[in-house]
Every structure is written in C-alpha cells, then in structure tokens.
Amino acid sequence: MISASLHDRIKNGSLTGRIELRIEGHRVELGYVVNKSFQGRGYMTETVRAIIDWAFQQPNVYRVFATTGVDNIASQRVMEKAGMQREGLLRKYIIHPNISDEPRDSYIYAIVK
C-alpha cells in the first residue's frame, strides 16, 4: 500500500513512480504507481517486463501477478503489453481512499513460466 506522503511526492513530481514486489514462495506480486507527468512514455511497461524477466530467472518462481481497478485502462495496457493476461474479476477487492471509501472491483492479471 502506498503511503500518503509517498503519494504526494509522486503527485508533485519529485518521484517518477514506485514499484513494490511481494515474493511469496513460487509467486511474485507486483504493484506500481507512476507520476502522471511520466505516464504514456513506456517506462512502466519496460519496468514490468524487466521485473517479469528477473522473476522468471529465479528457479522457484512460476507466477507473476498484479491487480488493477476495472476503470484503470492505462494500467491494464501496461500489463497486457508486458505479456500478462487478465485472469478474472475481483469484486469489491480494494479501497482507494483518494477515489472512494467503498471497495472497488479490480482485475487480476498474471503471467506464468
């Protein structure tokens, strides 16, 4: 989860973005956020591809996955361009306090070795 102060630093332009990996056994969960002024330049797609490549070089990793809001078309495109496939809909999965206090639906994307 991204902290409010980190979110503010990304929003005001002092950071390009943030990537988080959670390695759990044979799986790697990926999360990211990018400063709006750097969106659409391919940086995140390139980064996600590099993380997938790194993860699959690890002998015990077989799955890389991430979630994104159903309305976040840009993030969906990043994952698709990186080779990930949409696996399903996670209903009422995550709360984005900057959007709403209500849980929102998300898609889950993954790529497997």
PDB file of N, CA and C in Angstrom:
ATOM      1  N   MET A   1       0.846  -1.173   0.000  1.00  0.00           N
ATOM      2  CA  MET A   1       0.000   0.000   0.000  1.00  0.00           C
ATOM      3  C   MET A   1       0.892   1.236   0.000  1.00  0.00           C
ATOM      4  N   ILE A   2       0.525   2.221  -0.766  1.00  0.00           N
ATOM      5  CA  ILE A   2       1.329   3.434  -0.880  1.00  0.00           C
ATOM      6  C   ILE A   2       0.934   4.424   0.212  1.00  0.00           C
ATOM      7  N   SER A   3       1.924   4.985   0.862  1.00  0.00           N
ATOM      8  CA  SER A   3       1.648   5.934   1.939  1.00  0.00           C
ATOM      9  C   SER A   3       1.219   7.279   1.358  1.00  0.00           C
ATOM     10  N   ALA A   4       0.497   8.044   2.144  1.00  0.00           N
ATOM     11  CA  ALA A   4       0.022   9.356   1.689  1.00  0.00           C
ATOM     12  C   ALA A   4       1.185  10.267   1.335  1.00  0.00           C
ATOM     13  N   SER A   5       2.253  10.271   2.139  1.00  0.00           N
ATOM     14  CA  SER A   5       3.381  11.162   1.855  1.00  0.00           C
ATOM     15  C   SER A   5       4.092  10.758   0.573  1.00  0.00           C
ATOM     16  N   LEU A   6       4.226   9.448   0.331  1.00  0.00           N
ATOM     17  CA  LEU A   6       4.845   8.997  -0.914  1.00  0.00           C
ATOM     18  C   LEU A   6       3.955   9.346  -2.092  1.00  0.00           C
ATOM     19  N   HIS A   7       2.653   9.164  -1.928  1.00  0.00           N
ATOM     20  CA  HIS A   7       1.710   9.527  -2.983  1.00  0.00           C
ATOM     21  C   HIS A   7       1.835  11.011  -3.319  1.00  0.00           C
ATOM     22  N   ASP A   8       1.963  11.862  -2.302  1.00  0.00           N
ATOM     23  CA  ASP A   8       2.123  13.304  -2.529  1.00  0.00           C
ATOM     24  C   ASP A   8       3.413  13.613  -3.278  1.00  0.00           C
ATOM     25  N   ARG A   9       4.495  12.905  -2.949  1.00  0.00           N
ATOM     26  CA  ARG A   9       5.776  13.134  -3.635  1.00  0.00           C
ATOM     27  C   ARG A   9       5.682  12.734  -5.105  1.00  0.00           C
ATOM     28  N   ILE A  10       4.981  11.663  -5.388  1.00  0.00           N
ATOM     29  CA  ILE A  10       4.792  11.258  -6.782  1.00  0.00           C
ATOM     30  C   ILE A  10       3.931  12.282  -7.498  1.00  0.00           C
ATOM     31  N   LYS A  11       2.860  12.698  -6.844  1.00  0.00           N
ATOM     32  CA  LYS A  11       1.915  13.642  -7.435  1.00  0.00           C
ATOM     33  C   LYS A  11       2.574  14.992  -7.740  1.00  0.00           C
ATOM     34  N   ASN A  12       3.453  15.468  -6.855  1.00  0.00           N
ATOM     35  CA  ASN A  12       4.052  16.789  -7.086  1.00  0.00           C
ATOM     36  C   ASN A  12       5.304  16.730  -7.956  1.00  0.00           C
ATOM     37  N   GLY A  13       5.664  15.522  -8.433  1.00  0.00           N
ATOM     38  CA  GLY A  13       6.735  15.435  -9.413  1.00  0.00           C
ATOM     39  C   GLY A  13       8.110  15.151  -8.866  1.00  0.00           C
ATOM     40  N   SER A  14       8.250  14.954  -7.555  1.00  0.00           N
ATOM     41  CA  SER A  14       9.583  14.694  -7.023  1.00  0.00           C
ATOM     42  C   SER A  14       9.990  13.227  -7.180  1.00  0.00           C
ATOM     43  N   LEU A  15       9.065  12.345  -7.565  1.00  0.00           N
ATOM     44  CA  LEU A  15       9.377  10.955  -7.870  1.00  0.00           C
ATOM     45  C   LEU A  15       8.737  10.567  -9.201  1.00  0.00           C
ATOM     46  N   THR A  16       9.400   9.695  -9.945  1.00  0.00           N
ATOM     47  CA  THR A  16       8.831   9.186 -11.193  1.00  0.00           C
ATOM     48  C   THR A  16       7.722   8.198 -10.903  1.00  0.00           C
ATOM     49  N   GLY A  17       7.937   7.343  -9.922  1.00  0.00           N
ATOM     50  CA  GLY A  17       6.939   6.343  -9.577  1.00  0.00           C
ATOM     51  C   GLY A  17       7.461   5.429  -8.497  1.00  0.00           C
ATOM     52  N   ARG A  18       6.718   4.338  -8.297  1.00  0.00           N
ATOM     53  CA  ARG A  18       7.089   3.382  -7.255  1.00  0.00           C
ATOM     54  C   ARG A  18       6.680   1.996  -7.702  1.00  0.00           C
ATOM     55  N   ILE A  19       7.555   1.024  -7.428  1.00  0.00           N
ATOM     56  CA  ILE A  19       7.288  -0.385  -7.704  1.00  0.00           C
ATOM     57  C   ILE A  19       7.403  -1.137  -6.380  1.00  0.00           C
ATOM     58  N   GLU A  20       6.515  -2.089  -6.178  1.00  0.00           N
ATOM     59  CA  GLU A  20       6.598  -2.936  -4.998  1.00  0.00           C
ATOM     60  C   GLU A  20       6.464  -4.386  -5.431  1.00  0.00           C
ATOM     61  N   LEU A  21       7.330  -5.249  -4.903  1.00  0.00           N
ATOM     62  CA  LEU A  21       7.255  -6.681  -5.158  1.00  0.00           C
ATOM     63  C   LEU A  21       7.003  -7.402  -3.841  1.00  0.00           C
ATOM     64  N   ARG A  22       6.136  -8.382  -3.895  1.00  0.00           N
ATOM     65  CA  ARG A  22       5.924  -9.272  -2.752  1.00  0.00           C
ATOM     66  C   ARG A  22       6.210 -10.680  -3.244  1.00  0.00           C
ATOM     67  N   ILE A  23       7.249 -11.270  -2.707  1.00  0.00           N
ATOM     68  CA  ILE A  23       7.646 -12.613  -3.129  1.00  0.00           C
ATOM     69  C   ILE A  23       7.134 -13.591  -2.087  1.00  0.00           C
ATOM     70  N   GLU A  24       6.278 -14.489  -2.533  1.00  0.00           N
ATOM     71  CA  GLU A  24       5.663 -15.487  -1.648  1.00  0.00           C
ATOM     72  C   GLU A  24       5.808 -16.852  -2.293  1.00  0.00           C
ATOM     73  N   GLY A  25       6.849 -17.571  -1.892  1.00  0.00           N
ATOM     74  CA  GLY A  25       7.066 -18.904  -2.453  1.00  0.00           C
ATOM     75  C   GLY A  25       7.303 -18.853  -3.946  1.00  0.00           C
ATOM     76  N   HIS A  26       6.421 -19.471  -4.707  1.00  0.00           N
ATOM     77  CA  HIS A  26       6.578 -19.542  -6.164  1.00  0.00           C
ATOM     78  C   HIS A  26       5.932 -18.363  -6.905  1.00  0.00           C
ATOM     79  N   ARG A  27       5.396 -17.401  -6.150  1.00  0.00           N
ATOM     80  CA  ARG A  27       4.671 -16.275  -6.755  1.00  0.00           C
ATOM     81  C   ARG A  27       5.340 -14.950  -6.440  1.00  0.00           C
ATOM     82  N   VAL A  28       5.227 -14.027  -7.398  1.00  0.00           N
ATOM     83  CA  VAL A  28       5.655 -12.646  -7.193  1.00  0.00           C
ATOM     84  C   VAL A  28       4.459 -11.755  -7.500  1.00  0.00           C
ATOM     85  N   GLU A  29       4.062 -10.966  -6.503  1.00  0.00           N
ATOM     86  CA  GLU A  29       3.000  -9.980  -6.722  1.00  0.00           C
ATOM     87  C   GLU A  29       3.654  -8.637  -6.991  1.00  0.00           C
ATOM     88  N   LEU A  30       3.135  -7.955  -7.975  1.00  0.00           N
ATOM     89  CA  LEU A  30       3.698  -6.704  -8.455  1.00  0.00           C
ATOM     90  C   LEU A  30       2.678  -5.596  -8.255  1.00  0.00           C
ATOM     91  N   GLY A  31       3.136  -4.457  -7.746  1.00  0.00           N
ATOM     92  CA  GLY A  31       2.301  -3.276  -7.636  1.00  0.00           C
ATOM     93  C   GLY A  31       3.103  -2.062  -8.058  1.00  0.00           C
ATOM     94  N   TYR A  32       2.445  -1.095  -8.642  1.00  0.00           N
ATOM     95  CA  TYR A  32       3.163   0.094  -9.097  1.00  0.00           C
ATOM     96  C   TYR A  32       2.243   1.299  -9.171  1.00  0.00           C
ATOM     97  N   VAL A  33       2.872   2.453  -9.137  1.00  0.00           N
ATOM     98  CA  VAL A  33       2.198   3.722  -9.369  1.00  0.00           C
ATOM     99  C   VAL A  33       3.205   4.615 -10.087  1.00  0.00           C
ATOM    100  N   VAL A  34       2.722   5.434 -11.004  1.00  0.00           N
ATOM    101  CA  VAL A  34       3.624   6.297 -11.772  1.00  0.00           C
ATOM    102  C   VAL A  34       3.083   7.726 -11.766  1.00  0.00           C
ATOM    103  N   ASN A  35       3.994   8.678 -11.679  1.00  0.00           N
ATOM    104  CA  ASN A  35       3.665  10.099 -11.735  1.00  0.00           C
ATOM    105  C   ASN A  35       2.975  10.386 -13.073  1.00  0.00           C
ATOM    106  N   LYS A  36       1.880  11.120 -13.031  1.00  0.00           N
ATOM    107  CA  LYS A  36       1.126  11.417 -14.258  1.00  0.00           C
ATOM    108  C   LYS A  36       1.974  12.057 -15.345  1.00  0.00           C
ATOM    109  N   SER A  37       2.951  12.868 -14.970  1.00  0.00           N
ATOM    110  CA  SER A  37       3.763  13.525 -15.989  1.00  0.00           C
ATOM    111  C   SER A  37       4.708  12.552 -16.703  1.00  0.00           C
ATOM    112  N   PHE A  38       4.822  11.312 -16.200  1.00  0.00           N
ATOM    113  CA  PHE A  38       5.659  10.304 -16.855  1.00  0.00           C
ATOM    114  C   PHE A  38       4.837   9.197 -17.495  1.00  0.00           C
ATOM    115  N   GLN A  39       3.511   9.280 -17.401  1.00  0.00           N
ATOM    116  CA  GLN A  39       2.659   8.253 -17.989  1.00  0.00           C
ATOM    117  C   GLN A  39       2.685   8.341 -19.510  1.00  0.00           C
ATOM    118  N   GLY A  40       2.471   7.206 -20.149  1.00  0.00           N
ATOM    119  CA  GLY A  40       2.373   7.165 -21.603  1.00  0.00           C
ATOM    120  C   GLY A  40       3.709   7.168 -22.327  1.00  0.00           C
ATOM    121  N   ARG A  41       4.798   7.033 -21.600  1.00  0.00           N
ATOM    122  CA  ARG A  41       6.131   7.043 -22.217  1.00  0.00           C
ATOM    123  C   ARG A  41       6.757   5.657 -22.291  1.00  0.00           C
ATOM    124  N   GLY A  42       6.069   4.659 -21.774  1.00  0.00           N
ATOM    125  CA  GLY A  42       6.565   3.290 -21.830  1.00  0.00           C
ATOM    126  C   GLY A  42       7.479   2.891 -20.689  1.00  0.00           C
ATOM    127  N   TYR A  43       7.727   3.809 -19.754  1.00  0.00           N
ATOM    128  CA  TYR A  43       8.627   3.487 -18.638  1.00  0.00           C
ATOM    129  C   TYR A  43       8.106   2.324 -17.802  1.00  0.00           C
ATOM    130  N   MET A  44       6.832   2.350 -17.474  1.00  0.00           N
ATOM    131  CA  MET A  44       6.291   1.312 -16.603  1.00  0.00           C
ATOM    132  C   MET A  44       6.216  -0.025 -17.331  1.00  0.00           C
ATOM    133  N   THR A  45       5.843  -0.020 -18.598  1.00  0.00           N
ATOM    134  CA  THR A  45       5.823  -1.274 -19.362  1.00  0.00           C
ATOM    135  C   THR A  45       7.212  -1.894 -19.401  1.00  0.00           C
ATOM    136  N   GLU A  46       8.210  -1.087 -19.665  1.00  0.00           N
ATOM    137  CA  GLU A  46       9.590  -1.568 -19.699  1.00  0.00           C
ATOM    138  C   GLU A  46      10.004  -2.121 -18.330  1.00  0.00           C
ATOM    139  N   THR A  47       9.624  -1.440 -17.277  1.00  0.00           N
ATOM    140  CA  THR A  47       9.968  -1.870 -15.927  1.00  0.00           C
ATOM    141  C   THR A  47       9.270  -3.178 -15.573  1.00  0.00           C
ATOM    142  N   VAL A  48       7.982  -3.288 -15.890  1.00  0.00           N
ATOM    143  CA  VAL A  48       7.237  -4.516 -15.594  1.00  0.00           C
ATOM    144  C   VAL A  48       7.838  -5.689 -16.368  1.00  0.00           C
ATOM    145  N   ARG A  49       8.176  -5.480 -17.632  1.00  0.00           N
ATOM    146  CA  ARG A  49       8.828  -6.546 -18.416  1.00  0.00           C
ATOM    147  C   ARG A  49      10.139  -6.977 -17.761  1.00  0.00           C
ATOM    148  N   ALA A  50      10.935  -6.026 -17.308  1.00  0.00           N
ATOM    149  CA  ALA A  50      12.222  -6.347 -16.672  1.00  0.00           C
ATOM    150  C   ALA A  50      12.004  -7.136 -15.385  1.00  0.00           C
ATOM    151  N   ILE A  51      10.986  -6.779 -14.619  1.00  0.00           N
ATOM    152  CA  ILE A  51      10.692  -7.499 -13.375  1.00  0.00           C
ATOM    153  C   ILE A  51      10.253  -8.927 -13.685  1.00  0.00           C
ATOM    154  N   ILE A  52       9.417  -9.090 -14.697  1.00  0.00           N
ATOM    155  CA  ILE A  52       8.990 -10.437 -15.102  1.00  0.00           C
ATOM    156  C   ILE A  52      10.202 -11.264 -15.524  1.00  0.00           C
ATOM    157  N   ASP A  53      11.062 -10.677 -16.346  1.00  0.00           N
ATOM    158  CA  ASP A  53      12.281 -11.383 -16.787  1.00  0.00           C
ATOM    159  C   ASP A  53      13.125 -11.799 -15.589  1.00  0.00           C
ATOM    160  N   TRP A  54      13.335 -10.871 -14.650  1.00  0.00           N
ATOM    161  CA  TRP A  54      14.117 -11.175 -13.445  1.00  0.00           C
ATOM    162  C   TRP A  54      13.449 -12.293 -12.644  1.00  0.00           C
ATOM    163  N   ALA A  55      12.140 -12.166 -12.442  1.00  0.00           N
ATOM    164  CA  ALA A  55      11.418 -13.148 -11.628  1.00  0.00           C
ATOM    165  C   ALA A  55      11.541 -14.549 -12.213  1.00  0.00           C
ATOM    166  N   PHE A  56      11.415 -14.668 -13.532  1.00  0.00           N
ATOM    167  CA  PHE A  56      11.459 -15.986 -14.148  1.00  0.00           C
ATOM    168  C   PHE A  56      12.876 -16.547 -14.250  1.00  0.00           C
ATOM    169  N   GLN A  57      13.870 -15.748 -13.937  1.00  0.00           N
ATOM    170  CA  GLN A  57      15.235 -16.264 -13.819  1.00  0.00           C
ATOM    171  C   GLN A  57      15.455 -16.924 -12.458  1.00  0.00           C
ATOM    172  N   GLN A  58      14.550 -16.660 -11.520  1.00  0.00           N
ATOM    173  CA  GLN A  58      14.634 -17.274 -10.196  1.00  0.00           C
ATOM    174  C   GLN A  58      14.085 -18.704 -10.319  1.00  0.00           C
ATOM    175  N   PRO A  59      14.814 -19.691  -9.852  1.00  0.00           N
ATOM    176  CA  PRO A  59      14.420 -21.078 -10.093  1.00  0.00           C
ATOM    177  C   PRO A  59      13.071 -21.487  -9.500  1.00  0.00           C
ATOM    178  N   ASN A  60      12.635 -20.843  -8.435  1.00  0.00           N
ATOM    179  CA  ASN A  60      11.396 -21.262  -7.780  1.00  0.00           C
ATOM    180  C   ASN A  60      10.200 -20.378  -8.075  1.00  0.00           C
ATOM    181  N   VAL A  61      10.349 -19.402  -8.965  1.00  0.00           N
ATOM    182  CA  VAL A  61       9.237 -18.505  -9.288  1.00  0.00           C
ATOM    183  C   VAL A  61       8.557 -18.985 -10.575  1.00  0.00           C
ATOM    184  N   TYR A  62       7.226 -19.165 -10.493  1.00  0.00           N
ATOM    185  CA  TYR A  62       6.455 -19.647 -11.637  1.00  0.00           C
ATOM    186  C   TYR A  62       5.309 -18.720 -12.028  1.00  0.00           C
ATOM    187  N   ARG A  63       5.072 -17.695 -11.212  1.00  0.00           N
ATOM    188  CA  ARG A  63       3.912 -16.833 -11.466  1.00  0.00           C
ATOM    189  C   ARG A  63       4.222 -15.417 -11.025  1.00  0.00           C
ATOM    190  N   VAL A  64       3.898 -14.449 -11.898  1.00  0.00           N
ATOM    191  CA  VAL A  64       3.951 -13.026 -11.567  1.00  0.00           C
ATOM    192  C   VAL A  64       2.541 -12.498 -11.788  1.00  0.00           C
ATOM    193  N   PHE A  65       2.014 -11.782 -10.802  1.00  0.00           N
ATOM    194  CA  PHE A  65       0.640 -11.289 -10.943  1.00  0.00           C
ATOM    195  C   PHE A  65       0.490  -9.892 -10.359  1.00  0.00           C
ATOM    196  N   ALA A  66      -0.591  -9.235 -10.755  1.00  0.00           N
ATOM    197  CA  ALA A  66      -0.903  -7.893 -10.268  1.00  0.00           C
ATOM    198  C   ALA A  66      -2.396  -7.656 -10.425  1.00  0.00           C
ATOM    199  N   THR A  67      -2.898  -6.671  -9.694  1.00  0.00           N
ATOM    200  CA  THR A  67      -4.297  -6.275  -9.833  1.00  0.00           C
ATOM    201  C   THR A  67      -4.366  -4.809 -10.219  1.00  0.00           C
ATOM    202  N   THR A  68      -5.484  -4.439 -10.817  1.00  0.00           N
ATOM    203  CA  THR A  68      -5.726  -3.045 -11.167  1.00  0.00           C
ATOM    204  C   THR A  68      -7.224  -2.789 -11.194  1.00  0.00           C
ATOM    205  N   GLY A  69      -7.600  -1.553 -10.939  1.00  0.00           N
ATOM    206  CA  GLY A  69      -9.006  -1.186 -10.978  1.00  0.00           C
ATOM    207  C   GLY A  69      -9.595  -1.399 -12.367  1.00  0.00           C
ATOM    208  N   VAL A  70     -10.870  -1.767 -12.419  1.00  0.00           N
ATOM    209  CA  VAL A  70     -11.510  -2.024 -13.713  1.00  0.00           C
ATOM    210  C   VAL A  70     -11.565  -0.774 -14.589  1.00  0.00           C
ATOM    211  N   ASP A  71     -11.469   0.388 -13.975  1.00  0.00           N
ATOM    212  CA  ASP A  71     -11.501   1.632 -14.741  1.00  0.00           C
ATOM    213  C   ASP A  71     -10.102   2.153 -15.078  1.00  0.00           C
ATOM    214  N   ASN A  72      -9.046   1.452 -14.674  1.00  0.00           N
ATOM    215  CA  ASN A  72      -7.679   1.905 -14.925  1.00  0.00           C
ATOM    216  C   ASN A  72      -7.147   1.268 -16.215  1.00  0.00           C
ATOM    217  N   ILE A  73      -7.590   1.815 -17.333  1.00  0.00           N
ATOM    218  CA  ILE A  73      -7.244   1.292 -18.656  1.00  0.00           C
ATOM    219  C   ILE A  73      -5.737   1.359 -18.886  1.00  0.00           C
ATOM    220  N   ALA A  74      -5.083   2.427 -18.446  1.00  0.00           N
ATOM    221  CA  ALA A  74      -3.640   2.576 -18.664  1.00  0.00           C
ATOM    222  C   ALA A  74      -2.868   1.444 -17.994  1.00  0.00           C
ATOM    223  N   SER A  75      -3.225   1.105 -16.774  1.00  0.00           N
ATOM    224  CA  SER A  75      -2.542   0.024 -16.069  1.00  0.00           C
ATOM    225  C   SER A  75      -2.827  -1.325 -16.732  1.00  0.00           C
ATOM    226  N   GLN A  76      -4.041  -1.521 -17.181  1.00  0.00           N
ATOM    227  CA  GLN A  76      -4.382  -2.753 -17.897  1.00  0.00           C
ATOM    228  C   GLN A  76      -3.509  -2.897 -19.140  1.00  0.00           C
ATOM    229  N   ARG A  77      -3.323  -1.815 -19.868  1.00  0.00           N
ATOM    230  CA  ARG A  77      -2.494  -1.841 -21.083  1.00  0.00           C
ATOM    231  C   ARG A  77      -1.041  -2.129 -20.750  1.00  0.00           C
ATOM    232  N   VAL A  78      -0.525  -1.568 -19.659  1.00  0.00           N
ATOM    233  CA  VAL A  78       0.849  -1.852 -19.235  1.00  0.00           C
ATOM    234  C   VAL A  78       1.020  -3.356 -19.049  1.00  0.00           C
ATOM    235  N   MET A  79       0.110  -3.968 -18.309  1.00  0.00           N
ATOM    236  CA  MET A  79       0.231  -5.394 -18.029  1.00  0.00           C
ATOM    237  C   MET A  79       0.091  -6.236 -19.294  1.00  0.00           C
ATOM    238  N   GLU A  80      -0.840  -5.848 -20.154  1.00  0.00           N
ATOM    239  CA  GLU A  80      -1.020  -6.589 -21.408  1.00  0.00           C
ATOM    240  C   GLU A  80       0.211  -6.465 -22.303  1.00  0.00           C
ATOM    241  N   LYS A  81       0.774  -5.269 -22.412  1.00  0.00           N
ATOM    242  CA  LYS A  81       1.981  -5.073 -23.220  1.00  0.00           C
ATOM    243  C   LYS A  81       3.167  -5.852 -22.654  1.00  0.00           C
ATOM    244  N   ALA A  82       3.176  -6.063 -21.347  1.00  0.00           N
ATOM    245  CA  ALA A  82       4.253  -6.817 -20.699  1.00  0.00           C
ATOM    246  C   ALA A  82       4.040  -8.329 -20.813  1.00  0.00           C
ATOM    247  N   GLY A  83       2.942  -8.740 -21.430  1.00  0.00           N
ATOM    248  CA  GLY A  83       2.694 -10.166 -21.645  1.00  0.00           C
ATOM    249  C   GLY A  83       1.771 -10.818 -20.648  1.00  0.00           C
ATOM    250  N   MET A  84       1.234 -10.046 -19.723  1.00  0.00           N
ATOM    251  CA  MET A  84       0.330 -10.606 -18.723  1.00  0.00           C
ATOM    252  C   MET A  84      -1.069 -10.755 -19.318  1.00  0.00           C
ATOM    253  N   GLN A  85      -1.826 -11.708 -18.799  1.00  0.00           N
ATOM    254  CA  GLN A  85      -3.191 -11.944 -19.264  1.00  0.00           C
ATOM    255  C   GLN A  85      -4.178 -11.713 -18.127  1.00  0.00           C
ATOM    256  N   ARG A  86      -5.329 -11.155 -18.494  1.00  0.00           N
ATOM    257  CA  ARG A  86      -6.380 -10.962 -17.494  1.00  0.00           C
ATOM    258  C   ARG A  86      -6.964 -12.321 -17.143  1.00  0.00           C
ATOM    259  N   GLU A  87      -6.979 -12.625 -15.845  1.00  0.00           N
ATOM    260  CA  GLU A  87      -7.493 -13.912 -15.385  1.00  0.00           C
ATOM    261  C   GLU A  87      -8.904 -13.822 -14.808  1.00  0.00           C
ATOM    262  N   GLY A  88      -9.273 -12.653 -14.325  1.00  0.00           N
ATOM    263  CA  GLY A  88     -10.601 -12.581 -13.749  1.00  0.00           C
ATOM    264  C   GLY A  88     -10.892 -11.260 -13.079  1.00  0.00           C
ATOM    265  N   LEU A  89     -12.095 -11.192 -12.529  1.00  0.00           N
ATOM    266  CA  LEU A  89     -12.601 -10.015 -11.841  1.00  0.00           C
ATOM    267  C   LEU A  89     -12.646 -10.307 -10.346  1.00  0.00           C
ATOM    268  N   LEU A  90     -12.080  -9.391  -9.565  1.00  0.00           N
ATOM    269  CA  LEU A  90     -12.126  -9.483  -8.106  1.00  0.00           C
ATOM    270  C   LEU A  90     -13.123  -8.428  -7.626  1.00  0.00           C
ATOM    271  N   ARG A  91     -14.292  -8.867  -7.206  1.00  0.00           N
ATOM    272  CA  ARG A  91     -15.366  -7.949  -6.843  1.00  0.00           C
ATOM    273  C   ARG A  91     -15.120  -7.335  -5.479  1.00  0.00           C
ATOM    274  N   LYS A  92     -15.344  -6.010  -5.394  1.00  0.00           N
ATOM    275  CA  LYS A  92     -15.195  -5.265  -4.129  1.00  0.00           C
ATOM    276  C   LYS A  92     -13.844  -5.572  -3.479  1.00  0.00           C
ATOM    277  N   TYR A  93     -12.769  -5.534  -4.269  1.00  0.00           N
ATOM    278  CA  TYR A  93     -11.464  -6.027  -3.850  1.00  0.00           C
ATOM    279  C   TYR A  93     -10.617  -5.019  -3.095  1.00  0.00           C
ATOM    280  N   ILE A  94     -10.634  -3.751  -3.501  1.00  0.00           N
ATOM    281  CA  ILE A  94      -9.682  -2.791  -2.922  1.00  0.00           C
ATOM    282  C   ILE A  94     -10.363  -1.447  -2.686  1.00  0.00           C
ATOM    283  N   ILE A  95      -9.879  -0.749  -1.680  1.00  0.00           N
ATOM    284  CA  ILE A  95     -10.356   0.606  -1.405  1.00  0.00           C
ATOM    285  C   ILE A  95      -9.260   1.582  -1.801  1.00  0.00           C
ATOM    286  N   HIS A  96      -9.620   2.550  -2.611  1.00  0.00           N
ATOM    287  CA  HIS A  96      -8.727   3.655  -2.975  1.00  0.00           C
ATOM    288  C   HIS A  96      -9.283   4.910  -2.309  1.00  0.00           C
ATOM    289  N   PRO A  97      -8.752   5.286  -1.133  1.00  0.00           N
ATOM    290  CA  PRO A  97      -9.332   6.401  -0.380  1.00  0.00           C
ATOM    291  C   PRO A  97      -9.351   7.722  -1.153  1.00  0.00           C
ATOM    292  N   ASN A  98      -8.441   7.878  -2.118  1.00  0.00           N
ATOM    293  CA  ASN A  98      -8.447   9.113  -2.901  1.00  0.00           C
ATOM    294  C   ASN A  98      -9.581   9.130  -3.920  1.00  0.00           C
ATOM    295  N   ILE A  99     -10.240   7.975  -4.144  1.00  0.00           N
ATOM    296  CA  ILE A  99     -11.363   7.889  -5.078  1.00  0.00           C
ATOM    297  C   ILE A  99     -12.678   7.710  -4.328  1.00  0.00           C
ATOM    298  N   SER A 100     -12.702   6.741  -3.391  1.00  0.00           N
ATOM    299  CA  SER A 100     -13.927   6.428  -2.660  1.00  0.00           C
ATOM    300  C   SER A 100     -13.584   5.585  -1.436  1.00  0.00           C
ATOM    301  N   ASP A 101     -14.442   5.646  -0.423  1.00  0.00           N
ATOM    302  CA  ASP A 101     -14.277   4.802   0.755  1.00  0.00           C
ATOM    303  C   ASP A 101     -14.907   3.425   0.556  1.00  0.00           C
ATOM    304  N   GLU A 102     -15.606   3.249  -0.556  1.00  0.00           N
ATOM    305  CA  GLU A 102     -16.240   1.970  -0.870  1.00  0.00           C
ATOM    306  C   GLU A 102     -15.254   1.057  -1.593  1.00  0.00           C
ATOM    307  N   PRO A 103     -15.271  -0.254  -1.300  1.00  0.00           N
ATOM    308  CA  PRO A 103     -14.428  -1.179  -2.052  1.00  0.00           C
ATOM    309  C   PRO A 103     -14.791  -1.158  -3.529  1.00  0.00           C
ATOM    310  N   ARG A 104     -13.757  -1.288  -4.358  1.00  0.00           N
ATOM    311  CA  ARG A 104     -13.929  -1.219  -5.813  1.00  0.00           C
ATOM    312  C   ARG A 104     -13.510  -2.535  -6.456  1.00  0.00           C
ATOM    313  N   ASP A 105     -14.087  -2.816  -7.616  1.00  0.00           N
ATOM    314  CA  ASP A 105     -13.729  -4.011  -8.358  1.00  0.00           C
ATOM    315  C   ASP A 105     -12.359  -3.849  -8.998  1.00  0.00           C
ATOM    316  N   SER A 106     -11.656  -4.976  -9.124  1.00  0.00           N
ATOM    317  CA  SER A 106     -10.339  -4.990  -9.757  1.00  0.00           C
ATOM    318  C   SER A 106     -10.240  -6.193 -10.691  1.00  0.00           C
ATOM    319  N   TYR A 107      -9.361  -6.072 -11.664  1.00  0.00           N
ATOM    320  CA  TYR A 107      -8.988  -7.213 -12.496  1.00  0.00           C
ATOM    321  C   TYR A 107      -7.690  -7.784 -11.955  1.00  0.00           C
ATOM    322  N   ILE A 108      -7.516  -9.089 -12.091  1.00  0.00           N
ATOM    323  CA  ILE A 108      -6.235  -9.715 -11.770  1.00  0.00           C
ATOM    324  C   ILE A 108      -5.598 -10.155 -13.093  1.00  0.00           C
ATOM    325  N   TYR A 109      -4.339  -9.815 -13.235  1.00  0.00           N
ATOM    326  CA  TYR A 109      -3.536 -10.164 -14.398  1.00  0.00           C
ATOM    327  C   TYR A 109      -2.377 -11.032 -13.932  1.00  0.00           C
ATOM    328  N   ALA A 110      -1.937 -11.955 -14.797  1.00  0.00           N
ATOM    329  CA  ALA A 110      -0.794 -12.788 -14.442  1.00  0.00           C
ATOM    330  C   ALA A 110      -0.082 -13.296 -15.691  1.00  0.00           C
ATOM    331  N   ILE A 111       1.139 -13.723 -15.458  1.00  0.00           N
ATOM    332  CA  ILE A 111       1.929 -14.428 -16.462  1.00  0.00           C
ATOM    333  C   ILE A 111       2.609 -15.575 -15.724  1.00  0.00           C
ATOM    334  N   VAL A 112       2.692 -16.728 -16.367  1.00  0.00           N
ATOM    335  CA  VAL A 112       3.309 -17.891 -15.729  1.00  0.00           C
ATOM    336  C   VAL A 112       4.454 -18.417 -16.580  1.00  0.00           C
ATOM    337  N   LYS A 113       5.372 -19.071 -15.883  1.00  0.00           N
ATOM    338  CA  LYS A 113       6.535 -19.656 -16.553  1.00  0.00           C
ATOM    339  C   LYS A 113       6.152 -20.973 -17.157  1.00  0.00           C
TER     340      LYS A 113
END
